[in-house]
PDB file of N, CA and C in Angstrom:
ATOM      1  N   MET A   1     -48.465  54.190 -16.978  1.00  0.00           N
ATOM      2  CA  MET A   1     -49.448  53.578 -17.844  1.00  0.00           C
ATOM      3  C   MET A   1     -50.807  53.677 -17.175  1.00  0.00           C
ATOM      4  N   ALA A   2     -51.807  54.036 -17.929  1.00  0.00           N
ATOM      5  CA  ALA A   2     -53.164  54.132 -17.385  1.00  0.00           C
ATOM      6  C   ALA A   2     -53.673  52.749 -17.030  1.00  0.00           C
ATOM      7  N   ALA A   3     -54.532  52.697 -16.047  1.00  0.00           N
ATOM      8  CA  ALA A   3     -55.113  51.420 -15.633  1.00  0.00           C
ATOM      9  C   ALA A   3     -55.933  50.841 -16.780  1.00  0.00           C
ATOM     10  N   VAL A   4     -55.845  49.533 -16.925  1.00  0.00           N
ATOM     11  CA  VAL A   4     -56.627  48.841 -17.950  1.00  0.00           C
ATOM     12  C   VAL A   4     -57.972  48.488 -17.348  1.00  0.00           C
ATOM     13  N   LEU A   5     -59.023  48.806 -18.071  1.00  0.00           N
ATOM     14  CA  LEU A   5     -60.363  48.518 -17.572  1.00  0.00           C
ATOM     15  C   LEU A   5     -61.065  47.607 -18.563  1.00  0.00           C
ATOM     16  N   LEU A   6     -61.244  46.358 -18.178  1.00  0.00           N
ATOM     17  CA  LEU A   6     -62.010  45.397 -18.958  1.00  0.00           C
ATOM     18  C   LEU A   6     -63.357  45.265 -18.274  1.00  0.00           C
ATOM     19  N   LYS A   7     -64.423  45.393 -19.044  1.00  0.00           N
ATOM     20  CA  LYS A   7     -65.767  45.355 -18.456  1.00  0.00           C
ATOM     21  C   LYS A   7     -66.407  43.991 -18.696  1.00  0.00           C
ATOM     22  N   PHE A   8     -66.651  43.278 -17.611  1.00  0.00           N
ATOM     23  CA  PHE A   8     -67.293  41.970 -17.646  1.00  0.00           C
ATOM     24  C   PHE A   8     -68.482  41.971 -16.697  1.00  0.00           C
ATOM     25  N   THR A   9     -69.482  41.157 -17.017  1.00  0.00           N
ATOM     26  CA  THR A   9     -70.599  40.907 -16.115  1.00  0.00           C
ATOM     27  C   THR A   9     -70.607  39.416 -15.816  1.00  0.00           C
ATOM     28  N   ARG A  10     -70.613  39.087 -14.552  1.00  0.00           N
ATOM     29  CA  ARG A  10     -70.646  37.680 -14.139  1.00  0.00           C
ATOM     30  C   ARG A  10     -72.078  37.176 -14.283  1.00  0.00           C
ATOM     31  N   ILE A  11     -72.256  36.037 -14.966  1.00  0.00           N
ATOM     32  CA  ILE A  11     -73.598  35.476 -15.151  1.00  0.00           C
ATOM     33  C   ILE A  11     -73.598  33.997 -14.790  1.00  0.00           C
ATOM     34  N   LEU A  12     -74.755  33.508 -14.425  1.00  0.00           N
ATOM     35  CA  LEU A  12     -74.937  32.106 -14.082  1.00  0.00           C
ATOM     36  C   LEU A  12     -75.849  31.478 -15.131  1.00  0.00           C
ATOM     37  N   LYS A  13     -75.360  30.423 -15.793  1.00  0.00           N
ATOM     38  CA  LYS A  13     -76.142  29.720 -16.804  1.00  0.00           C
ATOM     39  C   LYS A  13     -76.096  28.230 -16.512  1.00  0.00           C
ATOM     40  N   ASN A  14     -77.267  27.649 -16.292  1.00  0.00           N
ATOM     41  CA  ASN A  14     -77.352  26.205 -16.033  1.00  0.00           C
ATOM     42  C   ASN A  14     -76.403  25.761 -14.925  1.00  0.00           C
ATOM     43  N   GLY A  15     -76.282  26.567 -13.888  1.00  0.00           N
ATOM     44  CA  GLY A  15     -75.459  26.224 -12.729  1.00  0.00           C
ATOM     45  C   GLY A  15     -73.971  26.495 -12.901  1.00  0.00           C
ATOM     46  N   ALA A  16     -73.551  27.030 -14.045  1.00  0.00           N
ATOM     47  CA  ALA A  16     -72.135  27.325 -14.291  1.00  0.00           C
ATOM     48  C   ALA A  16     -71.938  28.837 -14.394  1.00  0.00           C
ATOM     49  N   VAL A  17     -70.776  29.290 -13.940  1.00  0.00           N
ATOM     50  CA  VAL A  17     -70.450  30.711 -13.988  1.00  0.00           C
ATOM     51  C   VAL A  17     -69.776  31.034 -15.322  1.00  0.00           C
ATOM     52  N   PHE A  18     -70.247  32.084 -15.971  1.00  0.00           N
ATOM     53  CA  PHE A  18     -69.654  32.616 -17.194  1.00  0.00           C
ATOM     54  C   PHE A  18     -69.460  34.113 -17.006  1.00  0.00           C
ATOM     55  N   TYR A  19     -68.669  34.695 -17.887  1.00  0.00           N
ATOM     56  CA  TYR A  19     -68.469  36.141 -17.866  1.00  0.00           C
ATOM     57  C   TYR A  19     -68.815  36.698 -19.230  1.00  0.00           C
ATOM     58  N   LEU A  20     -69.679  37.701 -19.246  1.00  0.00           N
ATOM     59  CA  LEU A  20     -70.092  38.385 -20.466  1.00  0.00           C
ATOM     60  C   LEU A  20     -69.165  39.584 -20.661  1.00  0.00           C
ATOM     61  N   PHE A  21     -68.448  39.598 -21.789  1.00  0.00           N
ATOM     62  CA  PHE A  21     -67.507  40.680 -22.084  1.00  0.00           C
ATOM     63  C   PHE A  21     -68.280  41.843 -22.685  1.00  0.00           C
ATOM     64  N   GLU A  22     -68.204  43.008 -22.042  1.00  0.00           N
ATOM     65  CA  GLU A  22     -68.939  44.187 -22.499  1.00  0.00           C
ATOM     66  C   GLU A  22     -68.071  45.169 -23.270  1.00  0.00           C
ATOM     67  N   GLY A  23     -66.767  45.157 -23.049  1.00  0.00           N
ATOM     68  CA  GLY A  23     -65.875  46.081 -23.739  1.00  0.00           C
ATOM     69  C   GLY A  23     -64.675  46.420 -22.884  1.00  0.00           C
ATOM     70  N   PHE A  24     -63.947  47.455 -23.295  1.00  0.00           N
ATOM     71  CA  PHE A  24     -62.730  47.828 -22.589  1.00  0.00           C
ATOM     72  C   PHE A  24     -62.445  49.304 -22.750  1.00  0.00           C
ATOM     73  N   GLU A  25     -61.591  49.796 -21.875  1.00  0.00           N
ATOM     74  CA  GLU A  25     -61.060  51.155 -21.951  1.00  0.00           C
ATOM     75  C   GLU A  25     -59.575  51.085 -21.623  1.00  0.00           C
ATOM     76  N   ASN A  26     -58.805  51.998 -22.162  1.00  0.00           N
ATOM     77  CA  ASN A  26     -57.380  52.148 -21.844  1.00  0.00           C
ATOM     78  C   ASN A  26     -56.529  50.943 -22.216  1.00  0.00           C
ATOM     79  N   VAL A  27     -56.905  50.199 -23.255  1.00  0.00           N
ATOM     80  CA  VAL A  27     -56.058  49.120 -23.748  1.00  0.00           C
ATOM     81  C   VAL A  27     -55.343  49.658 -24.973  1.00  0.00           C
ATOM     82  N   LYS A  28     -54.015  49.617 -24.982  1.00  0.00           N
ATOM     83  CA  LYS A  28     -53.244  50.169 -26.097  1.00  0.00           C
ATOM     84  C   LYS A  28     -53.428  49.331 -27.354  1.00  0.00           C
ATOM     85  N   CYS A  29     -53.416  49.999 -28.473  1.00  0.00           N
ATOM     86  CA  CYS A  29     -53.454  49.303 -29.758  1.00  0.00           C
ATOM     87  C   CYS A  29     -52.146  48.532 -29.942  1.00  0.00           C
ATOM     88  N   ARG A  30     -52.220  47.452 -30.662  1.00  0.00           N
ATOM     89  CA  ARG A  30     -51.062  46.569 -30.773  1.00  0.00           C
ATOM     90  C   ARG A  30     -49.836  47.249 -31.354  1.00  0.00           C
ATOM     91  N   TRP A  31     -49.997  48.168 -32.299  1.00  0.00           N
ATOM     92  CA  TRP A  31     -48.818  48.778 -32.907  1.00  0.00           C
ATOM     93  C   TRP A  31     -48.168  49.823 -32.013  1.00  0.00           C
ATOM     94  N   GLU A  32     -48.765  50.143 -30.890  1.00  0.00           N
ATOM     95  CA  GLU A  32     -48.148  51.068 -29.938  1.00  0.00           C
ATOM     96  C   GLU A  32     -47.236  50.330 -28.968  1.00  0.00           C
ATOM     97  N   LEU A  33     -47.314  49.003 -28.961  1.00  0.00           N
ATOM     98  CA  LEU A  33     -46.542  48.230 -27.992  1.00  0.00           C
ATOM     99  C   LEU A  33     -45.215  47.787 -28.603  1.00  0.00           C
ATOM    100  N   PRO A  34     -44.143  47.706 -27.795  1.00  0.00           N
ATOM    101  CA  PRO A  34     -42.850  47.245 -28.313  1.00  0.00           C
ATOM    102  C   PRO A  34     -42.948  45.799 -28.809  1.00  0.00           C
ATOM    103  N   CYS A  35     -42.187  45.447 -29.844  1.00  0.00           N
ATOM    104  CA  CYS A  35     -42.202  44.082 -30.381  1.00  0.00           C
ATOM    105  C   CYS A  35     -41.856  43.062 -29.306  1.00  0.00           C
ATOM    106  N   GLU A  36     -40.947  43.416 -28.415  1.00  0.00           N
ATOM    107  CA  GLU A  36     -40.550  42.498 -27.345  1.00  0.00           C
ATOM    108  C   GLU A  36     -41.757  42.146 -26.482  1.00  0.00           C
ATOM    109  N   TYR A  37     -42.607  43.098 -26.268  1.00  0.00           N
ATOM    110  CA  TYR A  37     -43.802  42.877 -25.457  1.00  0.00           C
ATOM    111  C   TYR A  37     -44.759  41.902 -26.151  1.00  0.00           C
ATOM    112  N   LEU A  38     -44.879  42.003 -27.470  1.00  0.00           N
ATOM    113  CA  LEU A  38     -45.813  41.166 -28.211  1.00  0.00           C
ATOM    114  C   LEU A  38     -45.320  39.741 -28.397  1.00  0.00           C
ATOM    115  N   SER A  39     -44.060  39.456 -28.083  1.00  0.00           N
ATOM    116  CA  SER A  39     -43.520  38.123 -28.304  1.00  0.00           C
ATOM    117  C   SER A  39     -43.981  37.114 -27.262  1.00  0.00           C
ATOM    118  N   GLY A  40     -44.487  37.552 -26.135  1.00  0.00           N
ATOM    119  CA  GLY A  40     -44.948  36.628 -25.101  1.00  0.00           C
ATOM    120  C   GLY A  40     -46.414  36.839 -24.814  1.00  0.00           C
ATOM    121  N   SER A  41     -46.811  36.644 -23.578  1.00  0.00           N
ATOM    122  CA  SER A  41     -48.196  36.893 -23.175  1.00  0.00           C
ATOM    123  C   SER A  41     -48.514  38.359 -23.395  1.00  0.00           C
ATOM    124  N   HIS A  42     -49.655  38.637 -23.994  1.00  0.00           N
ATOM    125  CA  HIS A  42     -50.017  40.034 -24.191  1.00  0.00           C
ATOM    126  C   HIS A  42     -51.508  40.167 -24.474  1.00  0.00           C
ATOM    127  N   PHE A  43     -51.975  41.388 -24.423  1.00  0.00           N
ATOM    128  CA  PHE A  43     -53.349  41.718 -24.781  1.00  0.00           C
ATOM    129  C   PHE A  43     -53.305  43.045 -25.512  1.00  0.00           C
ATOM    130  N   ALA A  44     -54.234  43.253 -26.418  1.00  0.00           N
ATOM    131  CA  ALA A  44     -54.236  44.476 -27.213  1.00  0.00           C
ATOM    132  C   ALA A  44     -55.631  44.730 -27.750  1.00  0.00           C
ATOM    133  N   ALA A  45     -55.848  45.943 -28.231  1.00  0.00           N
ATOM    134  CA  ALA A  45     -57.126  46.311 -28.830  1.00  0.00           C
ATOM    135  C   ALA A  45     -57.022  46.211 -30.347  1.00  0.00           C
ATOM    136  N   TRP A  46     -58.107  45.792 -30.969  1.00  0.00           N
ATOM    137  CA  TRP A  46     -58.141  45.772 -32.426  1.00  0.00           C
ATOM    138  C   TRP A  46     -59.588  45.838 -32.872  1.00  0.00           C
ATOM    139  N   ASP A  47     -59.990  46.931 -33.492  1.00  0.00           N
ATOM    140  CA  ASP A  47     -61.327  47.086 -34.068  1.00  0.00           C
ATOM    141  C   ASP A  47     -62.436  46.698 -33.081  1.00  0.00           C
ATOM    142  N   ARG A  48     -62.413  47.272 -31.894  1.00  0.00           N
ATOM    143  CA  ARG A  48     -63.376  47.045 -30.810  1.00  0.00           C
ATOM    144  C   ARG A  48     -63.291  45.655 -30.194  1.00  0.00           C
ATOM    145  N   ASN A  49     -62.371  44.808 -30.635  1.00  0.00           N
ATOM    146  CA  ASN A  49     -62.172  43.483 -30.054  1.00  0.00           C
ATOM    147  C   ASN A  49     -60.955  43.500 -29.150  1.00  0.00           C
ATOM    148  N   LEU A  50     -60.951  42.625 -28.178  1.00  0.00           N
ATOM    149  CA  LEU A  50     -59.788  42.437 -27.331  1.00  0.00           C
ATOM    150  C   LEU A  50     -59.061  41.207 -27.841  1.00  0.00           C
ATOM    151  N   LEU A  51     -57.796  41.367 -28.163  1.00  0.00           N
ATOM    152  CA  LEU A  51     -56.962  40.243 -28.569  1.00  0.00           C
ATOM    153  C   LEU A  51     -56.046  39.923 -27.405  1.00  0.00           C
ATOM    154  N   TYR A  52     -55.860  38.637 -27.134  1.00  0.00           N
ATOM    155  CA  TYR A  52     -54.912  38.271 -26.091  1.00  0.00           C
ATOM    156  C   TYR A  52     -54.260  36.952 -26.434  1.00  0.00           C
ATOM    157  N   SER A  53     -53.072  36.760 -25.902  1.00  0.00           N
ATOM    158  CA  SER A  53     -52.286  35.591 -26.231  1.00  0.00           C
ATOM    159  C   SER A  53     -51.553  35.092 -25.006  1.00  0.00           C
ATOM    160  N   ASP A  54     -51.372  33.777 -24.952  1.00  0.00           N
ATOM    161  CA  ASP A  54     -50.565  33.181 -23.894  1.00  0.00           C
ATOM    162  C   ASP A  54     -49.133  32.959 -24.374  1.00  0.00           C
ATOM    163  N   GLY A  55     -48.794  33.499 -25.563  1.00  0.00           N
ATOM    164  CA  GLY A  55     -47.470  33.328 -26.140  1.00  0.00           C
ATOM    165  C   GLY A  55     -47.457  32.233 -27.196  1.00  0.00           C
ATOM    166  N   ARG A  56     -48.488  31.397 -27.215  1.00  0.00           N
ATOM    167  CA  ARG A  56     -48.597  30.330 -28.215  1.00  0.00           C
ATOM    168  C   ARG A  56     -49.869  30.450 -29.041  1.00  0.00           C
ATOM    169  N   ASN A  57     -50.965  30.790 -28.396  1.00  0.00           N
ATOM    170  CA  ASN A  57     -52.267  30.876 -29.048  1.00  0.00           C
ATOM    171  C   ASN A  57     -52.808  32.292 -28.963  1.00  0.00           C
ATOM    172  N   LEU A  58     -53.503  32.711 -30.009  1.00  0.00           N
ATOM    173  CA  LEU A  58     -54.123  34.031 -30.030  1.00  0.00           C
ATOM    174  C   LEU A  58     -55.630  33.871 -29.880  1.00  0.00           C
ATOM    175  N   PHE A  59     -56.224  34.650 -28.995  1.00  0.00           N
ATOM    176  CA  PHE A  59     -57.659  34.605 -28.739  1.00  0.00           C
ATOM    177  C   PHE A  59     -58.251  35.982 -29.027  1.00  0.00           C
ATOM    178  N   SER A  60     -59.488  35.997 -29.463  1.00  0.00           N
ATOM    179  CA  SER A  60     -60.195  37.246 -29.744  1.00  0.00           C
ATOM    180  C   SER A  60     -61.482  37.251 -28.941  1.00  0.00           C
ATOM    181  N   LEU A  61     -61.794  38.396 -28.377  1.00  0.00           N
ATOM    182  CA  LEU A  61     -62.997  38.535 -27.567  1.00  0.00           C
ATOM    183  C   LEU A  61     -63.735  39.787 -28.012  1.00  0.00           C
ATOM    184  N   ALA A  62     -64.918  39.596 -28.580  1.00  0.00           N
ATOM    185  CA  ALA A  62     -65.737  40.717 -29.045  1.00  0.00           C
ATOM    186  C   ALA A  62     -66.768  41.074 -27.984  1.00  0.00           C
ATOM    187  N   PRO A  63     -67.170  42.344 -27.917  1.00  0.00           N
ATOM    188  CA  PRO A  63     -68.235  42.711 -26.984  1.00  0.00           C
ATOM    189  C   PRO A  63     -69.467  41.827 -27.214  1.00  0.00           C
ATOM    190  N   GLY A  64     -70.051  41.346 -26.126  1.00  0.00           N
ATOM    191  CA  GLY A  64     -71.208  40.456 -26.195  1.00  0.00           C
ATOM    192  C   GLY A  64     -70.839  38.986 -26.113  1.00  0.00           C
ATOM    193  N   SER A  65     -69.536  38.678 -26.160  1.00  0.00           N
ATOM    194  CA  SER A  65     -69.076  37.292 -26.062  1.00  0.00           C
ATOM    195  C   SER A  65     -69.115  36.824 -24.610  1.00  0.00           C
ATOM    196  N   GLU A  66     -69.305  35.525 -24.449  1.00  0.00           N
ATOM    197  CA  GLU A  66     -69.248  34.921 -23.118  1.00  0.00           C
ATOM    198  C   GLU A  66     -68.048  34.000 -23.045  1.00  0.00           C
ATOM    199  N   ILE A  67     -67.370  34.022 -21.902  1.00  0.00           N
ATOM    200  CA  ILE A  67     -66.271  33.084 -21.680  1.00  0.00           C
ATOM    201  C   ILE A  67     -66.505  32.369 -20.357  1.00  0.00           C
ATOM    202  N   SER A  68     -65.918  31.196 -20.231  1.00  0.00           N
ATOM    203  CA  SER A  68     -66.067  30.419 -19.004  1.00  0.00           C
ATOM    204  C   SER A  68     -65.301  31.080 -17.862  1.00  0.00           C
ATOM    205  N   GLU A  69     -65.611  30.669 -16.665  1.00  0.00           N
ATOM    206  CA  GLU A  69     -64.919  31.209 -15.497  1.00  0.00           C
ATOM    207  C   GLU A  69     -63.426  30.905 -15.571  1.00  0.00           C
ATOM    208  N   ASP A  70     -63.079  29.698 -16.024  1.00  0.00           N
ATOM    209  CA  ASP A  70     -61.679  29.307 -16.159  1.00  0.00           C
ATOM    210  C   ASP A  70     -60.957  30.208 -17.164  1.00  0.00           C
ATOM    211  N   ASP A  71     -61.580  30.452 -18.333  1.00  0.00           N
ATOM    212  CA  ASP A  71     -60.979  31.328 -19.336  1.00  0.00           C
ATOM    213  C   ASP A  71     -60.862  32.764 -18.833  1.00  0.00           C
ATOM    214  N   TYR A  72     -61.829  33.190 -18.047  1.00  0.00           N
ATOM    215  CA  TYR A  72     -61.795  34.534 -17.461  1.00  0.00           C
ATOM    216  C   TYR A  72     -60.570  34.688 -16.556  1.00  0.00           C
ATOM    217  N   TYR A  73     -60.326  33.691 -15.700  1.00  0.00           N
ATOM    218  CA  TYR A  73     -59.180  33.778 -14.797  1.00  0.00           C
ATOM    219  C   TYR A  73     -57.862  33.690 -15.552  1.00  0.00           C
ATOM    220  N   LYS A  74     -57.825  32.906 -16.642  1.00  0.00           N
ATOM    221  CA  LYS A  74     -56.622  32.861 -17.471  1.00  0.00           C
ATOM    222  C   LYS A  74     -56.358  34.228 -18.095  1.00  0.00           C
ATOM    223  N   LEU A  75     -57.415  34.883 -18.581  1.00  0.00           N
ATOM    224  CA  LEU A  75     -57.269  36.213 -19.171  1.00  0.00           C
ATOM    225  C   LEU A  75     -56.769  37.216 -18.132  1.00  0.00           C
ATOM    226  N   MET A  76     -57.323  37.200 -16.943  1.00  0.00           N
ATOM    227  CA  MET A  76     -56.894  38.131 -15.903  1.00  0.00           C
ATOM    228  C   MET A  76     -55.429  37.897 -15.534  1.00  0.00           C
ATOM    229  N   TYR A  77     -54.998  36.641 -15.544  1.00  0.00           N
ATOM    230  CA  TYR A  77     -53.597  36.321 -15.272  1.00  0.00           C
ATOM    231  C   TYR A  77     -52.706  36.918 -16.365  1.00  0.00           C
ATOM    232  N   LEU A  78     -53.106  36.750 -17.649  1.00  0.00           N
ATOM    233  CA  LEU A  78     -52.336  37.305 -18.760  1.00  0.00           C
ATOM    234  C   LEU A  78     -52.269  38.826 -18.687  1.00  0.00           C
ATOM    235  N   VAL A  79     -53.369  39.450 -18.307  1.00  0.00           N
ATOM    236  CA  VAL A  79     -53.396  40.911 -18.176  1.00  0.00           C
ATOM    237  C   VAL A  79     -52.388  41.364 -17.116  1.00  0.00           C
ATOM    238  N   GLU A  80     -52.393  40.711 -15.973  1.00  0.00           N
ATOM    239  CA  GLU A  80     -51.459  41.104 -14.905  1.00  0.00           C
ATOM    240  C   GLU A  80     -50.013  40.875 -15.322  1.00  0.00           C
ATOM    241  N   LYS A  81     -49.729  39.717 -15.945  1.00  0.00           N
ATOM    242  CA  LYS A  81     -48.369  39.434 -16.404  1.00  0.00           C
ATOM    243  C   LYS A  81     -47.956  40.430 -17.483  1.00  0.00           C
ATOM    244  N   GLY A  82     -48.871  40.753 -18.385  1.00  0.00           N
ATOM    245  CA  GLY A  82     -48.571  41.715 -19.443  1.00  0.00           C
ATOM    246  C   GLY A  82     -48.260  43.089 -18.888  1.00  0.00           C
ATOM    247  N   LYS A  83     -49.006  43.523 -17.892  1.00  0.00           N
ATOM    248  CA  LYS A  83     -48.756  44.831 -17.279  1.00  0.00           C
ATOM    249  C   LYS A  83     -47.383  44.848 -16.607  1.00  0.00           C
ATOM    250  N   GLU A  84     -47.017  43.747 -15.929  1.00  0.00           N
ATOM    251  CA  GLU A  84     -45.701  43.666 -15.289  1.00  0.00           C
ATOM    252  C   GLU A  84     -44.598  43.715 -16.337  1.00  0.00           C
ATOM    253  N   ARG A  85     -44.775  42.969 -17.426  1.00  0.00           N
ATOM    254  CA  ARG A  85     -43.755  42.916 -18.464  1.00  0.00           C
ATOM    255  C   ARG A  85     -43.588  44.266 -19.155  1.00  0.00           C
ATOM    256  N   LEU A  86     -44.701  44.930 -19.460  1.00  0.00           N
ATOM    257  CA  LEU A  86     -44.620  46.239 -20.097  1.00  0.00           C
ATOM    258  C   LEU A  86     -43.929  47.246 -19.177  1.00  0.00           C
ATOM    259  N   LYS A  87     -44.196  47.159 -17.896  1.00  0.00           N
ATOM    260  CA  LYS A  87     -43.540  48.047 -16.926  1.00  0.00           C
ATOM    261  C   LYS A  87     -42.024  47.818 -16.938  1.00  0.00           C
ATOM    262  N   GLU A  88     -41.592  46.546 -16.999  1.00  0.00           N
ATOM    263  CA  GLU A  88     -40.160  46.232 -17.069  1.00  0.00           C
ATOM    264  C   GLU A  88     -39.541  46.798 -18.343  1.00  0.00           C
ATOM    265  N   ILE A  89     -40.208  46.601 -19.477  1.00  0.00           N
ATOM    266  CA  ILE A  89     -39.688  47.078 -20.761  1.00  0.00           C
ATOM    267  C   ILE A  89     -39.587  48.600 -20.759  1.00  0.00           C
ATOM    268  N   ASN A  90     -40.624  49.273 -20.272  1.00  0.00           N
ATOM    269  CA  ASN A  90     -40.594  50.736 -20.211  1.00  0.00           C
ATOM    270  C   ASN A  90     -39.488  51.229 -19.301  1.00  0.00           C
ATOM    271  N   GLY A  91     -39.221  50.505 -18.209  1.00  0.00           N
ATOM    272  CA  GLY A  91     -38.140  50.859 -17.299  1.00  0.00           C
ATOM    273  C   GLY A  91     -36.781  50.770 -17.968  1.00  0.00           C
ATOM    274  N   ARG A  92     -36.585  49.730 -18.781  1.00  0.00           N
ATOM    275  CA  ARG A  92     -35.318  49.572 -19.501  1.00  0.00           C
ATOM    276  C   ARG A  92     -35.162  50.642 -20.577  1.00  0.00           C
ATOM    277  N   ASN A  93     -36.267  51.017 -21.207  1.00  0.00           N
ATOM    278  CA  ASN A  93     -36.210  52.021 -22.281  1.00  0.00           C
ATOM    279  C   ASN A  93     -35.870  53.405 -21.746  1.00  0.00           C
ATOM    280  N   ARG A  94     -36.137  53.663 -20.481  1.00  0.00           N
ATOM    281  CA  ARG A  94     -35.822  54.966 -19.881  1.00  0.00           C
ATOM    282  C   ARG A  94     -34.346  55.098 -19.563  1.00  0.00           C
ATOM    283  N   ASP A  95     -33.652  53.953 -19.427  1.00  0.00           N
ATOM    284  CA  ASP A  95     -32.233  53.987 -19.051  1.00  0.00           C
ATOM    285  C   ASP A  95     -31.348  54.473 -20.156  1.00  0.00           C
TER     286      ASP A  95
END
């Protein structure tokens, strides 16, 4: 799987850290992913937006959006977990 590249710029506003979402590269479209993968934490591309979920809630991030530092770290955690899960699923599909 190609590396996922999410482009963020770290900014400081009123003493708080935020991240400005600029876009992404190499994020698979949702219909290319196995259904099993979409049932839990996941991220996907849709019409230039990044969609991501913790398995309960769905979030959308459009280019130019700002997210808090806490939300940024939650997203990075979901991305890493999603990459691990997709790797496991792809490994099982090869068997």
